[in-house]
Amino acid sequence: MHRSLMTSATAIAFLCSSCASSTLIKSVPFGAKVYLDGQYRGRAPLTHRDTAVLGSSKTVVLKCEGYRDITGTIRKEKLAVGPLIGAILVAIPVLWVLGYPAEYTFELEPEPGQVGTECAA
């Protein structure tokens, strides 16, 4: 009984930890301000981690003085093996079978007449 309980707890912990997904958001030039769904999150490179479900996407806006703002999207589109195994075994984590790609790189364009440099801290 004790062994079965321990095995079940380990399996649940593994499957739940697999539900989270992360991605690295990078910018060219280095150090752009990163906004996710309208909220400032920090400067690139920035690791974003969440437990959003299958088909989720986030709007990303990067800003840097002397550059045009750039808007993009990050999506859960990479197959995640842990949740897939869980979906096969218990059919609960099926909503988390996709994760983010390892990284996204956004390239900002300099404003007209500006010389491209790194973003100011």
N, C-alpha and C. Protein backbone atom coordinates (compact mmCIF):
# COMPACT_ATOMS: atom_id res chain seq x y z
N MET A 1 0.83 -1.19 0.00
CA MET A 1 0.00 0.00 0.00
C MET A 1 0.87 1.26 0.00
N HIS A 2 1.84 1.28 0.91
CA HIS A 2 2.74 2.44 1.03
C HIS A 2 3.52 2.66 -0.27
N ARG A 3 3.99 1.57 -0.86
CA ARG A 3 4.76 1.67 -2.10
C ARG A 3 3.88 2.20 -3.24
N SER A 4 2.65 1.76 -3.32
CA SER A 4 1.72 2.22 -4.35
C SER A 4 1.43 3.71 -4.21
N LEU A 5 1.26 4.14 -2.97
CA LEU A 5 1.02 5.56 -2.70
C LEU A 5 2.23 6.40 -3.10
N MET A 6 3.41 5.91 -2.79
CA MET A 6 4.65 6.63 -3.13
C MET A 6 4.82 6.71 -4.65
N THR A 7 4.53 5.63 -5.35
CA THR A 7 4.64 5.61 -6.81
C THR A 7 3.64 6.59 -7.43
N SER A 8 2.42 6.60 -6.91
CA SER A 8 1.40 7.52 -7.42
C SER A 8 1.79 8.98 -7.18
N ALA A 9 2.31 9.28 -6.00
CA ALA A 9 2.72 10.65 -5.67
C ALA A 9 3.86 11.10 -6.57
N THR A 10 4.80 10.22 -6.84
CA THR A 10 5.92 10.55 -7.72
C THR A 10 5.42 10.81 -9.14
N ALA A 11 4.52 9.97 -9.62
CA ALA A 11 3.98 10.15 -10.97
C ALA A 11 3.22 11.46 -11.09
N ILE A 12 2.41 11.80 -10.10
CA ILE A 12 1.66 13.05 -10.12
C ILE A 12 2.60 14.25 -10.09
N ALA A 13 3.63 14.19 -9.25
CA ALA A 13 4.60 15.30 -9.17
C ALA A 13 5.30 15.48 -10.52
N PHE A 14 5.68 14.38 -11.16
CA PHE A 14 6.35 14.46 -12.46
C PHE A 14 5.42 15.07 -13.51
N LEU A 15 4.19 14.61 -13.55
CA LEU A 15 3.25 15.10 -14.55
C LEU A 15 2.90 16.56 -14.34
N CYS A 16 2.71 16.96 -13.09
CA CYS A 16 2.37 18.37 -12.82
C CYS A 16 3.53 19.30 -13.12
N SER A 17 4.75 18.85 -12.83
CA SER A 17 5.90 19.70 -13.13
C SER A 17 6.09 19.83 -14.63
N SER A 18 5.65 18.83 -15.38
CA SER A 18 5.77 18.87 -16.83
C SER A 18 4.75 19.81 -17.46
N CYS A 19 3.75 20.24 -16.71
CA CYS A 19 2.71 21.11 -17.24
C CYS A 19 3.24 22.52 -17.49
N ALA A 20 4.30 22.90 -16.80
CA ALA A 20 4.89 24.23 -16.99
C ALA A 20 5.79 24.20 -18.23
N SER A 21 5.86 25.33 -18.90
CA SER A 21 6.69 25.46 -20.09
C SER A 21 7.40 26.80 -20.03
N SER A 22 8.62 26.83 -20.54
CA SER A 22 9.35 28.10 -20.53
C SER A 22 9.99 28.34 -21.89
N THR A 23 10.30 29.61 -22.13
CA THR A 23 10.98 30.02 -23.35
C THR A 23 11.86 31.22 -23.04
N LEU A 24 12.90 31.39 -23.80
CA LEU A 24 13.81 32.52 -23.65
C LEU A 24 13.45 33.55 -24.72
N ILE A 25 13.17 34.77 -24.28
CA ILE A 25 12.85 35.86 -25.20
C ILE A 25 14.10 36.73 -25.34
N LYS A 26 14.63 36.79 -26.56
CA LYS A 26 15.86 37.55 -26.82
C LYS A 26 15.54 38.72 -27.75
N SER A 27 16.40 39.73 -27.71
CA SER A 27 16.22 40.89 -28.59
C SER A 27 17.53 41.25 -29.27
N VAL A 28 17.39 41.79 -30.47
CA VAL A 28 18.49 42.41 -31.20
C VAL A 28 18.03 43.82 -31.47
N PRO A 29 18.61 44.82 -30.81
CA PRO A 29 19.77 44.78 -29.93
C PRO A 29 19.43 44.20 -28.56
N PHE A 30 20.49 43.84 -27.86
CA PHE A 30 20.41 43.27 -26.52
C PHE A 30 19.77 44.26 -25.54
N GLY A 31 18.94 43.77 -24.64
CA GLY A 31 18.44 44.59 -23.54
C GLY A 31 17.14 45.33 -23.74
N ALA A 32 16.37 44.98 -24.78
CA ALA A 32 15.08 45.66 -24.99
C ALA A 32 14.14 45.36 -23.83
N LYS A 33 13.24 46.31 -23.54
CA LYS A 33 12.21 46.09 -22.52
C LYS A 33 11.17 45.13 -23.08
N VAL A 34 10.77 44.15 -22.27
CA VAL A 34 9.83 43.12 -22.71
C VAL A 34 8.50 43.28 -21.97
N TYR A 35 7.43 43.36 -22.74
CA TYR A 35 6.07 43.42 -22.20
C TYR A 35 5.32 42.19 -22.68
N LEU A 36 4.70 41.45 -21.76
CA LEU A 36 3.89 40.29 -22.12
C LEU A 36 2.44 40.60 -21.79
N ASP A 37 1.59 40.53 -22.79
CA ASP A 37 0.17 40.86 -22.63
C ASP A 37 -0.01 42.19 -21.90
N GLY A 38 0.82 43.17 -22.27
CA GLY A 38 0.68 44.52 -21.74
C GLY A 38 1.39 44.79 -20.42
N GLN A 39 2.00 43.76 -19.81
CA GLN A 39 2.67 43.95 -18.52
C GLN A 39 4.18 43.88 -18.70
N TYR A 40 4.88 44.87 -18.12
CA TYR A 40 6.34 44.89 -18.20
C TYR A 40 6.90 43.70 -17.40
N ARG A 41 7.80 42.93 -18.02
CA ARG A 41 8.37 41.75 -17.36
C ARG A 41 9.87 41.84 -17.12
N GLY A 42 10.54 42.81 -17.76
CA GLY A 42 11.99 42.92 -17.59
C GLY A 42 12.66 43.19 -18.93
N ARG A 43 13.97 42.99 -18.95
CA ARG A 43 14.75 43.23 -20.17
C ARG A 43 15.21 41.91 -20.77
N ALA A 44 15.30 41.91 -22.10
CA ALA A 44 15.77 40.73 -22.82
C ALA A 44 17.28 40.60 -22.65
N PRO A 45 17.79 39.40 -22.52
CA PRO A 45 17.08 38.13 -22.60
C PRO A 45 16.28 37.87 -21.32
N LEU A 46 15.08 37.34 -21.50
CA LEU A 46 14.15 37.12 -20.40
C LEU A 46 13.55 35.72 -20.54
N THR A 47 13.57 34.96 -19.46
CA THR A 47 12.94 33.65 -19.47
C THR A 47 11.50 33.78 -18.99
N HIS A 48 10.57 33.35 -19.84
CA HIS A 48 9.15 33.36 -19.47
C HIS A 48 8.74 31.92 -19.21
N ARG A 49 8.06 31.71 -18.07
CA ARG A 49 7.59 30.38 -17.69
C ARG A 49 6.14 30.49 -17.24
N ASP A 50 5.30 29.56 -17.72
CA ASP A 50 3.91 29.54 -17.28
C ASP A 50 3.32 28.15 -17.42
N THR A 51 2.10 28.00 -16.94
CA THR A 51 1.39 26.73 -17.02
C THR A 51 0.15 26.85 -17.91
N ALA A 52 0.19 27.77 -18.84
CA ALA A 52 -0.94 27.96 -19.75
C ALA A 52 -1.18 26.67 -20.55
N VAL A 53 -2.41 26.49 -21.00
CA VAL A 53 -2.79 25.25 -21.66
C VAL A 53 -2.55 25.27 -23.16
N LEU A 54 -2.78 24.14 -23.77
CA LEU A 54 -2.66 23.91 -25.20
C LEU A 54 -3.29 25.04 -26.01
N GLY A 55 -2.60 25.52 -27.02
CA GLY A 55 -3.13 26.56 -27.88
C GLY A 55 -2.96 27.97 -27.34
N SER A 56 -2.32 28.12 -26.19
CA SER A 56 -2.14 29.44 -25.60
C SER A 56 -1.10 30.24 -26.36
N SER A 57 -1.33 31.54 -26.39
CA SER A 57 -0.35 32.44 -26.97
C SER A 57 -0.31 33.72 -26.14
N LYS A 58 0.79 34.41 -26.22
CA LYS A 58 0.98 35.67 -25.50
C LYS A 58 1.49 36.71 -26.49
N THR A 59 1.00 37.94 -26.35
CA THR A 59 1.48 39.04 -27.17
C THR A 59 2.73 39.61 -26.50
N VAL A 60 3.78 39.76 -27.28
CA VAL A 60 5.05 40.28 -26.79
C VAL A 60 5.33 41.60 -27.48
N VAL A 61 5.64 42.64 -26.70
CA VAL A 61 6.06 43.92 -27.25
C VAL A 61 7.44 44.20 -26.70
N LEU A 62 8.39 44.53 -27.59
CA LEU A 62 9.73 44.90 -27.17
C LEU A 62 9.96 46.35 -27.52
N LYS A 63 10.58 47.08 -26.57
CA LYS A 63 10.83 48.51 -26.74
C LYS A 63 12.28 48.82 -26.40
N CYS A 64 12.84 49.73 -27.19
CA CYS A 64 14.21 50.16 -26.98
C CYS A 64 14.35 51.58 -27.55
N GLU A 65 14.93 52.48 -26.77
CA GLU A 65 15.09 53.86 -27.21
C GLU A 65 15.92 53.91 -28.50
N GLY A 66 15.41 54.64 -29.49
CA GLY A 66 16.09 54.75 -30.78
C GLY A 66 15.67 53.70 -31.78
N TYR A 67 14.76 52.81 -31.36
CA TYR A 67 14.27 51.73 -32.22
C TYR A 67 12.75 51.75 -32.26
N ARG A 68 12.22 51.23 -33.35
CA ARG A 68 10.77 51.07 -33.45
C ARG A 68 10.35 49.90 -32.54
N ASP A 69 9.23 50.07 -31.84
CA ASP A 69 8.69 48.98 -31.04
C ASP A 69 8.36 47.82 -31.98
N ILE A 70 8.49 46.62 -31.49
CA ILE A 70 8.13 45.45 -32.27
C ILE A 70 7.13 44.62 -31.46
N THR A 71 6.11 44.14 -32.14
CA THR A 71 5.10 43.30 -31.51
C THR A 71 5.14 41.93 -32.15
N GLY A 72 5.11 40.91 -31.32
CA GLY A 72 5.12 39.54 -31.81
C GLY A 72 4.27 38.66 -30.90
N THR A 73 4.32 37.39 -31.16
CA THR A 73 3.54 36.43 -30.40
C THR A 73 4.41 35.24 -30.05
N ILE A 74 4.26 34.74 -28.83
CA ILE A 74 4.86 33.46 -28.48
C ILE A 74 3.71 32.48 -28.30
N ARG A 75 3.92 31.25 -28.76
CA ARG A 75 2.86 30.24 -28.74
C ARG A 75 3.39 28.92 -28.21
N LYS A 76 2.51 28.20 -27.57
CA LYS A 76 2.83 26.83 -27.16
C LYS A 76 2.63 25.96 -28.40
N GLU A 77 3.76 25.53 -28.99
CA GLU A 77 3.68 24.78 -30.24
C GLU A 77 4.65 23.60 -30.30
N LYS A 78 5.45 23.41 -29.25
CA LYS A 78 6.42 22.33 -29.22
C LYS A 78 5.86 21.18 -28.39
N LEU A 79 5.92 19.96 -28.92
CA LEU A 79 5.41 18.80 -28.21
C LEU A 79 6.21 18.56 -26.93
N ALA A 80 5.52 18.45 -25.81
CA ALA A 80 6.14 18.19 -24.51
C ALA A 80 5.91 16.72 -24.16
N VAL A 81 6.97 15.96 -24.01
CA VAL A 81 6.88 14.51 -23.83
C VAL A 81 6.22 14.12 -22.51
N GLY A 82 6.58 14.75 -21.39
CA GLY A 82 6.02 14.40 -20.08
C GLY A 82 4.49 14.46 -20.06
N PRO A 83 3.90 15.61 -20.44
CA PRO A 83 2.44 15.67 -20.48
C PRO A 83 1.81 14.71 -21.48
N LEU A 84 2.53 14.43 -22.59
CA LEU A 84 1.99 13.47 -23.55
C LEU A 84 1.88 12.09 -22.93
N ILE A 85 2.92 11.68 -22.19
CA ILE A 85 2.87 10.39 -21.50
C ILE A 85 1.74 10.39 -20.48
N GLY A 86 1.61 11.51 -19.74
CA GLY A 86 0.52 11.63 -18.78
C GLY A 86 -0.84 11.54 -19.45
N ALA A 87 -0.97 12.14 -20.61
CA ALA A 87 -2.24 12.10 -21.33
C ALA A 87 -2.58 10.67 -21.73
N ILE A 88 -1.57 9.93 -22.11
CA ILE A 88 -1.79 8.53 -22.49
C ILE A 88 -2.18 7.70 -21.26
N LEU A 89 -1.51 7.96 -20.12
CA LEU A 89 -1.75 7.16 -18.92
C LEU A 89 -3.03 7.53 -18.17
N VAL A 90 -3.27 8.82 -17.98
CA VAL A 90 -4.40 9.22 -17.14
C VAL A 90 -5.33 10.23 -17.78
N ALA A 91 -5.02 10.71 -18.96
CA ALA A 91 -5.87 11.62 -19.74
C ALA A 91 -6.16 12.95 -19.05
N ILE A 92 -5.41 13.33 -18.03
CA ILE A 92 -5.65 14.62 -17.38
C ILE A 92 -4.78 15.72 -17.98
N PRO A 93 -3.46 15.54 -18.13
CA PRO A 93 -2.63 16.65 -18.62
C PRO A 93 -2.67 16.87 -20.12
N VAL A 94 -3.66 16.35 -20.82
CA VAL A 94 -3.72 16.49 -22.26
C VAL A 94 -3.71 17.96 -22.69
N LEU A 95 -4.15 18.86 -21.83
CA LEU A 95 -4.15 20.28 -22.16
C LEU A 95 -2.75 20.89 -22.18
N TRP A 96 -1.74 20.16 -21.72
CA TRP A 96 -0.39 20.68 -21.65
C TRP A 96 0.59 19.93 -22.54
N VAL A 97 0.12 19.26 -23.60
CA VAL A 97 1.03 18.47 -24.42
C VAL A 97 1.91 19.34 -25.33
N LEU A 98 1.60 20.61 -25.44
CA LEU A 98 2.45 21.50 -26.21
C LEU A 98 3.12 22.50 -25.29
N GLY A 99 4.36 22.82 -25.58
CA GLY A 99 5.10 23.82 -24.82
C GLY A 99 5.67 24.86 -25.77
N TYR A 100 6.35 25.84 -25.20
CA TYR A 100 6.98 26.88 -26.01
C TYR A 100 8.25 26.33 -26.66
N PRO A 101 8.62 26.87 -27.83
CA PRO A 101 9.96 26.58 -28.36
C PRO A 101 11.00 27.08 -27.36
N ALA A 102 12.22 26.60 -27.48
CA ALA A 102 13.28 26.96 -26.52
C ALA A 102 13.51 28.46 -26.45
N GLU A 103 13.44 29.15 -27.59
CA GLU A 103 13.66 30.60 -27.56
C GLU A 103 13.00 31.30 -28.74
N TYR A 104 12.78 32.58 -28.54
CA TYR A 104 12.30 33.49 -29.58
C TYR A 104 13.28 34.65 -29.63
N THR A 105 13.63 35.09 -30.83
CA THR A 105 14.48 36.27 -30.99
C THR A 105 13.73 37.30 -31.82
N PHE A 106 13.62 38.51 -31.28
CA PHE A 106 12.93 39.60 -31.96
C PHE A 106 13.97 40.65 -32.33
N GLU A 107 13.97 41.08 -33.60
CA GLU A 107 14.93 42.07 -34.09
C GLU A 107 14.23 43.41 -34.31
N LEU A 108 14.66 44.41 -33.55
CA LEU A 108 14.07 45.74 -33.66
C LEU A 108 14.78 46.53 -34.75
N GLU A 109 14.04 47.40 -35.44
CA GLU A 109 14.61 48.24 -36.49
C GLU A 109 14.89 49.62 -35.92
N PRO A 110 16.06 50.19 -36.24
CA PRO A 110 16.36 51.54 -35.76
C PRO A 110 15.37 52.55 -36.34
N GLU A 111 15.05 53.57 -35.56
CA GLU A 111 14.24 54.69 -36.05
C GLU A 111 15.02 55.37 -37.16
N PRO A 112 14.33 56.00 -38.13
CA PRO A 112 15.05 56.71 -39.19
C PRO A 112 16.01 57.74 -38.62
N GLY A 113 17.23 57.74 -39.13
CA GLY A 113 18.23 58.69 -38.68
C GLY A 113 18.96 58.29 -37.40
N GLN A 114 18.61 57.16 -36.80
CA GLN A 114 19.25 56.70 -35.57
C GLN A 114 20.33 55.67 -35.91
N VAL A 115 21.38 55.68 -35.11
CA VAL A 115 22.43 54.68 -35.25
C VAL A 115 22.15 53.58 -34.23
N GLY A 116 22.10 52.35 -34.69
CA GLY A 116 21.79 51.22 -33.82
C GLY A 116 22.86 50.97 -32.77
N THR A 117 22.46 50.85 -31.53
CA THR A 117 23.34 50.48 -30.43
C THR A 117 22.55 49.57 -29.50
N GLU A 118 23.16 49.17 -28.39
CA GLU A 118 22.43 48.38 -27.41
C GLU A 118 21.42 49.27 -26.69
N CYS A 119 20.41 48.65 -26.13
CA CYS A 119 19.40 49.40 -25.39
C CYS A 119 19.98 49.91 -24.08
N ALA A 120 19.60 51.12 -23.71
CA ALA A 120 20.08 51.72 -22.45
C ALA A 120 19.45 51.00 -21.27
N ALA A 121 20.21 50.83 -20.22
CA ALA A 121 19.71 50.13 -19.03
C ALA A 121 18.76 50.97 -18.22
